[in-house]
C-alpha atoms as a PDB file:
ATOM      1  CA  MET A   1     -27.607  -5.219   5.955  1.00  0.00           C
ATOM      2  CA  SER A   2     -24.861  -6.871   4.797  1.00  0.00           C
ATOM      3  CA  THR A   3     -22.911 -10.574   6.613  1.00  0.00           C
ATOM      4  CA  ARG A   4     -20.350  -9.572   4.746  1.00  0.00           C
ATOM      5  CA  LYS A   5     -16.672  -9.087   6.640  1.00  0.00           C
ATOM      6  CA  THR A   6     -15.146  -5.416   5.796  1.00  0.00           C
ATOM      7  CA  ILE A   7     -11.236  -5.145   4.578  1.00  0.00           C
ATOM      8  CA  ALA A   8      -9.655  -2.193   4.758  1.00  0.00           C
ATOM      9  CA  ILE A   9      -6.452  -2.232   2.238  1.00  0.00           C
ATOM     10  CA  ASP A  10      -3.777   0.018   1.778  1.00  0.00           C
ATOM     11  CA  MET A  11      -2.617   2.057  -1.470  1.00  0.00           C
ATOM     12  CA  ASP A  12       1.677   2.728  -1.007  1.00  0.00           C
ATOM     13  CA  GLY A  13       2.977  -0.353  -0.445  1.00  0.00           C
ATOM     14  CA  VAL A  14       0.400  -2.757  -0.283  1.00  0.00           C
ATOM     15  CA  LEU A  15      -1.491  -2.037  -3.485  1.00  0.00           C
ATOM     16  CA  ALA A  16       1.726  -0.429  -5.933  1.00  0.00           C
ATOM     17  CA  ASN A  17       5.763  -0.673  -4.875  1.00  0.00           C
ATOM     18  CA  ASN A  18       6.440   2.498  -3.890  1.00  0.00           C
ATOM     19  CA  MET A  19       9.989   2.016  -3.129  1.00  0.00           C
ATOM     20  CA  ALA A  20      10.974   0.384  -6.682  1.00  0.00           C
ATOM     21  CA  HIS A  21      10.030   4.238  -7.561  1.00  0.00           C
ATOM     22  CA  TYR A  22      11.974   5.745  -5.385  1.00  0.00           C
ATOM     23  CA  LEU A  23      15.080   3.515  -6.421  1.00  0.00           C
ATOM     24  CA  ASP A  24      13.804   4.636  -9.832  1.00  0.00           C
ATOM     25  CA  TYR A  25      13.280   8.215  -9.886  1.00  0.00           C
ATOM     26  CA  HIS A  26      17.010   8.032  -7.730  1.00  0.00           C
ATOM     27  CA  PHE A  27      18.964   6.394 -10.827  1.00  0.00           C
ATOM     28  CA  LYS A  28      17.308   9.037 -12.958  1.00  0.00           C
ATOM     29  CA  GLU A  29      18.155  12.376 -11.364  1.00  0.00           C
ATOM     30  CA  THR A  30      21.493  10.373  -9.350  1.00  0.00           C
ATOM     31  CA  GLY A  31      22.766   8.001 -12.033  1.00  0.00           C
ATOM     32  CA  ILE A  32      23.295   5.068  -8.651  1.00  0.00           C
ATOM     33  CA  ARG A  33      22.007   2.048  -8.712  1.00  0.00           C
ATOM     34  CA  ILE A  34      20.309   1.019  -5.157  1.00  0.00           C
ATOM     35  CA  LEU A  35      18.831  -2.167  -4.604  1.00  0.00           C
ATOM     36  CA  GLU A  36      16.329  -2.826  -3.010  1.00  0.00           C
ATOM     37  CA  LYS A  37      17.819  -5.817  -0.655  1.00  0.00           C
ATOM     38  CA  GLU A  38      20.536  -2.588  -0.132  1.00  0.00           C
ATOM     39  CA  ILE A  39      18.117  -0.828   2.023  1.00  0.00           C
ATOM     40  CA  GLN A  40      16.056  -3.790   4.368  1.00  0.00           C
ATOM     41  CA  GLY A  41      14.893  -2.683   7.066  1.00  0.00           C
ATOM     42  CA  LYS A  42      15.258   1.242   7.025  1.00  0.00           C
ATOM     43  CA  PRO A  43      12.420   3.929   6.787  1.00  0.00           C
ATOM     44  CA  GLU A  44      11.855   5.496   3.628  1.00  0.00           C
ATOM     45  CA  GLU A  45      13.351   8.625   4.797  1.00  0.00           C
ATOM     46  CA  ARG A  46      17.325   7.142   5.039  1.00  0.00           C
ATOM     47  CA  CYS A  47      17.113   5.219   2.338  1.00  0.00           C
ATOM     48  CA  PHE A  48      19.391   7.670  -0.083  1.00  0.00           C
ATOM     49  CA  GLU A  49      21.649   9.819   1.051  1.00  0.00           C
ATOM     50  CA  ASP A  50      19.586  12.421   0.760  1.00  0.00           C
ATOM     51  CA  PRO A  51      17.408  12.672   3.333  1.00  0.00           C
ATOM     52  CA  ASP A  52      14.704  14.837   1.784  1.00  0.00           C
ATOM     53  CA  ALA A  53      14.937  12.818  -1.726  1.00  0.00           C
ATOM     54  CA  VAL A  54      11.699  10.910  -1.085  1.00  0.00           C
ATOM     55  CA  TYR A  55       9.682  14.072  -0.381  1.00  0.00           C
ATOM     56  CA  ARG A  56      11.325  15.072  -3.431  1.00  0.00           C
ATOM     57  CA  TYR A  57      10.248  12.754  -5.391  1.00  0.00           C
ATOM     58  CA  LEU A  58       7.200  12.503  -3.773  1.00  0.00           C
ATOM     59  CA  LYS A  59       6.063  16.238  -4.418  1.00  0.00           C
ATOM     60  CA  MET A  60       6.983  15.299  -8.665  1.00  0.00           C
ATOM     61  CA  PRO A  61       3.985  15.105 -11.224  1.00  0.00           C
ATOM     62  CA  ASP A  62       2.811  12.412 -11.698  1.00  0.00           C
ATOM     63  CA  PHE A  63       4.427  10.113  -9.199  1.00  0.00           C
ATOM     64  CA  PHE A  64       1.597   8.990  -8.145  1.00  0.00           C
ATOM     65  CA  ARG A  65       0.063   8.728 -11.360  1.00  0.00           C
ATOM     66  CA  THR A  66       2.771   6.010 -12.456  1.00  0.00           C
ATOM     67  CA  LEU A  67       3.519   3.942  -9.193  1.00  0.00           C
ATOM     68  CA  PRO A  68       3.842   0.182 -10.693  1.00  0.00           C
ATOM     69  CA  ILE A  69       1.571  -2.084  -9.944  1.00  0.00           C
ATOM     70  CA  ASN A  70       2.198  -4.844  -6.343  1.00  0.00           C
ATOM     71  CA  PRO A  71       2.744  -8.629  -8.805  1.00  0.00           C
ATOM     72  CA  ASP A  72      -0.744  -9.976  -8.556  1.00  0.00           C
ATOM     73  CA  ALA A  73      -2.940  -7.442  -6.164  1.00  0.00           C
ATOM     74  CA  GLN A  74      -5.323  -6.884  -9.412  1.00  0.00           C
ATOM     75  CA  GLU A  75      -6.328 -10.274  -9.309  1.00  0.00           C
ATOM     76  CA  VAL A  76      -6.622 -11.020  -5.635  1.00  0.00           C
ATOM     77  CA  VAL A  77      -8.349  -7.478  -4.485  1.00  0.00           C
ATOM     78  CA  LYS A  78     -10.579  -8.227  -7.258  1.00  0.00           C
ATOM     79  CA  LYS A  79     -11.174 -11.994  -5.948  1.00  0.00           C
ATOM     80  CA  LEU A  80     -12.122 -10.110  -2.380  1.00  0.00           C
ATOM     81  CA  ASN A  81     -14.238  -7.885  -3.862  1.00  0.00           C
ATOM     82  CA  ASP A  82     -16.179 -10.741  -4.895  1.00  0.00           C
ATOM     83  CA  HIS A  83     -16.479 -12.064  -1.083  1.00  0.00           C
ATOM     84  CA  PHE A  84     -15.312  -9.164   1.283  1.00  0.00           C
ATOM     85  CA  ASN A  85     -16.390  -5.614   1.192  1.00  0.00           C
ATOM     86  CA  VAL A  86     -13.396  -4.002   0.364  1.00  0.00           C
ATOM     87  CA  PHE A  87     -12.158  -0.448   0.682  1.00  0.00           C
ATOM     88  CA  ILE A  88      -8.942   1.228  -0.178  1.00  0.00           C
ATOM     89  CA  VAL A  89      -7.618   3.465   2.363  1.00  0.00           C
ATOM     90  CA  SER A  90      -4.707   6.355   2.236  1.00  0.00           C
ATOM     91  CA  ALA A  91      -3.258   8.067   4.165  1.00  0.00           C
ATOM     92  CA  ALA A  92      -2.939  10.563   1.145  1.00  0.00           C
ATOM     93  CA  MET A  93      -3.633  14.114   2.517  1.00  0.00           C
ATOM     94  CA  GLU A  94      -0.125  14.322   3.739  1.00  0.00           C
ATOM     95  CA  PHE A  95       0.347  14.345  -0.113  1.00  0.00           C
ATOM     96  CA  PRO A  96      -2.702  16.701  -1.372  1.00  0.00           C
ATOM     97  CA  TRP A  97      -1.622  16.071  -4.651  1.00  0.00           C
ATOM     98  CA  SER A  98      -1.854  12.524  -4.952  1.00  0.00           C
ATOM     99  CA  LEU A  99      -5.073  12.733  -4.915  1.00  0.00           C
ATOM    100  CA  VAL A 100      -6.321  13.085  -7.964  1.00  0.00           C
ATOM    101  CA  GLU A 101      -3.388  11.391  -9.209  1.00  0.00           C
ATOM    102  CA  LYS A 102      -4.339   8.335  -6.726  1.00  0.00           C
ATOM    103  CA  TYR A 103      -7.836   7.827  -7.944  1.00  0.00           C
ATOM    104  CA  GLU A 104      -7.219   8.007 -11.660  1.00  0.00           C
ATOM    105  CA  TRP A 105      -4.000   4.863 -11.113  1.00  0.00           C
ATOM    106  CA  LEU A 106      -7.220   2.960  -8.893  1.00  0.00           C
ATOM    107  CA  GLY A 107      -9.407   3.727 -12.104  1.00  0.00           C
ATOM    108  CA  GLU A 108      -6.734   2.572 -14.021  1.00  0.00           C
ATOM    109  CA  HIS A 109      -5.166  -0.913 -12.409  1.00  0.00           C
ATOM    110  CA  PHE A 110      -9.460  -1.630 -10.130  1.00  0.00           C
ATOM    111  CA  PRO A 111     -11.223  -0.437 -12.605  1.00  0.00           C
ATOM    112  CA  PHE A 112     -14.438  -2.795 -10.631  1.00  0.00           C
ATOM    113  CA  ILE A 113     -13.312  -0.701  -7.086  1.00  0.00           C
ATOM    114  CA  THR A 114     -16.175   1.316  -7.192  1.00  0.00           C
ATOM    115  CA  TRP A 115     -15.390   5.553  -5.881  1.00  0.00           C
ATOM    116  CA  HIS A 116     -17.698   4.607  -3.037  1.00  0.00           C
ATOM    117  CA  GLN A 117     -14.827   1.373  -2.018  1.00  0.00           C
ATOM    118  CA  ILE A 118     -11.900   4.606  -2.120  1.00  0.00           C
ATOM    119  CA  VAL A 119     -10.908   6.289   1.258  1.00  0.00           C
ATOM    120  CA  PHE A 120      -8.270   9.499   0.880  1.00  0.00           C
ATOM    121  CA  CYS A 121      -7.928   9.993   5.454  1.00  0.00           C
ATOM    122  CA  GLY A 122      -5.073  11.844   7.471  1.00  0.00           C
ATOM    123  CA  ASN A 123      -5.011   9.239  10.852  1.00  0.00           C
ATOM    124  CA  LYS A 124      -6.247   5.447   9.766  1.00  0.00           C
ATOM    125  CA  GLY A 125      -7.113   5.119  13.169  1.00  0.00           C
ATOM    126  CA  ILE A 126     -10.789   6.588  11.706  1.00  0.00           C
ATOM    127  CA  ILE A 127     -11.228   3.339   9.989  1.00  0.00           C
ATOM    128  CA  LYS A 128     -13.119   1.157  10.718  1.00  0.00           C
ATOM    129  CA  ALA A 129     -13.130  -2.794   9.065  1.00  0.00           C
ATOM    130  CA  ASP A 130     -12.789  -6.328  10.429  1.00  0.00           C
ATOM    131  CA  TYR A 131      -9.334  -6.642   8.824  1.00  0.00           C
ATOM    132  CA  MET A 132      -6.816  -4.629   7.591  1.00  0.00           C
ATOM    133  CA  ILE A 133      -4.172  -4.692   4.912  1.00  0.00           C
ATOM    134  CA  ASP A 134      -1.209  -2.077   5.340  1.00  0.00           C
ATOM    135  CA  ASP A 135       2.933  -1.582   5.476  1.00  0.00           C
ATOM    136  CA  HIS A 136       2.678   0.600   8.068  1.00  0.00           C
ATOM    137  CA  ILE A 137       3.037  -1.108  11.760  1.00  0.00           C
ATOM    138  CA  TYR A 138       2.086   2.352  13.381  1.00  0.00           C
ATOM    139  CA  ASN A 139      -1.380   2.780  10.531  1.00  0.00           C
ATOM    140  CA  LEU A 140      -2.061  -0.860  12.467  1.00  0.00           C
ATOM    141  CA  ARG A 141      -1.997  -0.272  16.174  1.00  0.00           C
ATOM    142  CA  SER A 142      -4.637   2.246  15.866  1.00  0.00           C
ATOM    143  CA  PHE A 143      -6.547   0.190  13.930  1.00  0.00           C
ATOM    144  CA  SER A 144      -9.389  -1.502  15.927  1.00  0.00           C
ATOM    145  CA  GLY A 145      -9.967  -4.996  14.193  1.00  0.00           C
ATOM    146  CA  THR A 146      -7.712  -7.091  12.907  1.00  0.00           C
ATOM    147  CA  GLY A 147      -4.075  -5.699  11.516  1.00  0.00           C
ATOM    148  CA  LEU A 148      -1.721  -7.600   8.737  1.00  0.00           C
ATOM    149  CA  ILE A 149       1.200  -6.385   7.943  1.00  0.00           C
ATOM    150  CA  PHE A 150       2.474  -6.523   4.538  1.00  0.00           C
ATOM    151  CA  ASP A 151       5.440  -7.467   3.425  1.00  0.00           C
ATOM    152  CA  CYS A 152       7.871  -4.584   2.590  1.00  0.00           C
ATOM    153  CA  TYR A 153      11.401  -3.569   2.511  1.00  0.00           C
ATOM    154  CA  HIS A 154      10.823  -1.019   5.303  1.00  0.00           C
ATOM    155  CA  ASN A 155       9.002  -3.239   7.990  1.00  0.00           C
ATOM    156  CA  ILE A 156      11.231  -6.744   7.883  1.00  0.00           C
ATOM    157  CA  ASN A 157      12.236  -6.248  11.691  1.00  0.00           C
ATOM    158  CA  GLU A 158       8.657  -5.191  12.889  1.00  0.00           C
ATOM    159  CA  THR A 159       5.929  -7.378  14.482  1.00  0.00           C
ATOM    160  CA  GLY A 160       3.231  -8.276  15.866  1.00  0.00           C
ATOM    161  CA  PHE A 161       0.596  -8.823  13.553  1.00  0.00           C
ATOM    162  CA  GLU A 162       0.114 -11.300  10.973  1.00  0.00           C
ATOM    163  CA  ARG A 163       2.504 -10.509   7.932  1.00  0.00           C
ATOM    164  CA  LEU A 164       1.334 -11.329   4.915  1.00  0.00           C
ATOM    165  CA  VAL A 165       4.126 -11.350   2.084  1.00  0.00           C
ATOM    166  CA  GLY A 166       3.075 -10.517  -1.233  1.00  0.00           C
ATOM    167  CA  TRP A 167      -0.435 -10.731  -2.951  1.00  0.00           C
ATOM    168  CA  LYS A 168      -0.583 -14.272  -2.970  1.00  0.00           C
ATOM    169  CA  ALA A 169      -0.272 -14.989   0.682  1.00  0.00           C
ATOM    170  CA  VAL A 170      -3.709 -12.451   0.713  1.00  0.00           C
ATOM    171  CA  GLU A 171      -5.663 -14.308  -1.265  1.00  0.00           C
ATOM    172  CA  GLU A 172      -4.711 -18.229   0.917  1.00  0.00           C
ATOM    173  CA  TYR A 173      -5.267 -15.891   4.133  1.00  0.00           C
ATOM    174  CA  PHE A 174      -8.760 -15.407   3.099  1.00  0.00           C
ATOM    175  CA  PHE A 175      -9.210 -18.197   0.820  1.00  0.00           C
ATOM    176  CA  GLY A 176      -7.302 -21.115   1.973  1.00  0.00           C
ATOM    177  CA  LYS A 177      -4.737 -22.952   0.181  1.00  0.00           C
ATOM    178  CA  GLU A 178      -7.088 -24.056  -2.502  1.00  0.00           C
ATOM    179  CA  GLY A 179      -8.058 -20.476  -2.712  1.00  0.00           C
END
């Protein structure tokens, strides 16, 4: 039996920068450029004048397959994977068409993560791990281990969990300053 601690890591907003993708889709659709600083603290569906925009983008073919990766995510997740039991956890069932795209995206960007380490679920409250890194507070509230909030445009006003600002902060949290 492994004595390694287990870390559950969210995809959208943590490994992938879905907001940058929303903003790109919005610009292509409308010609209006919105900056991330203009939407700080807003939930996804309130970032655009059209409240249906986010869900329209999510339904577009290849949306999840072409998400940009957050800086330093690959390097730090690889290091975590070498020292912890790492699972990538996504509440993907809300968007079932995303399953294949997310699986392929993980294979491209995180080839060291095996299919045994990928959990697509509906409610992350079922996840049992020592730590969970997520950008949505509701996922952390239902988690029984140590929840760590990954800093993201929509959660800047949330409190109650240790905040990790970027993947270098994740590395420092788990490995110390000398990393």
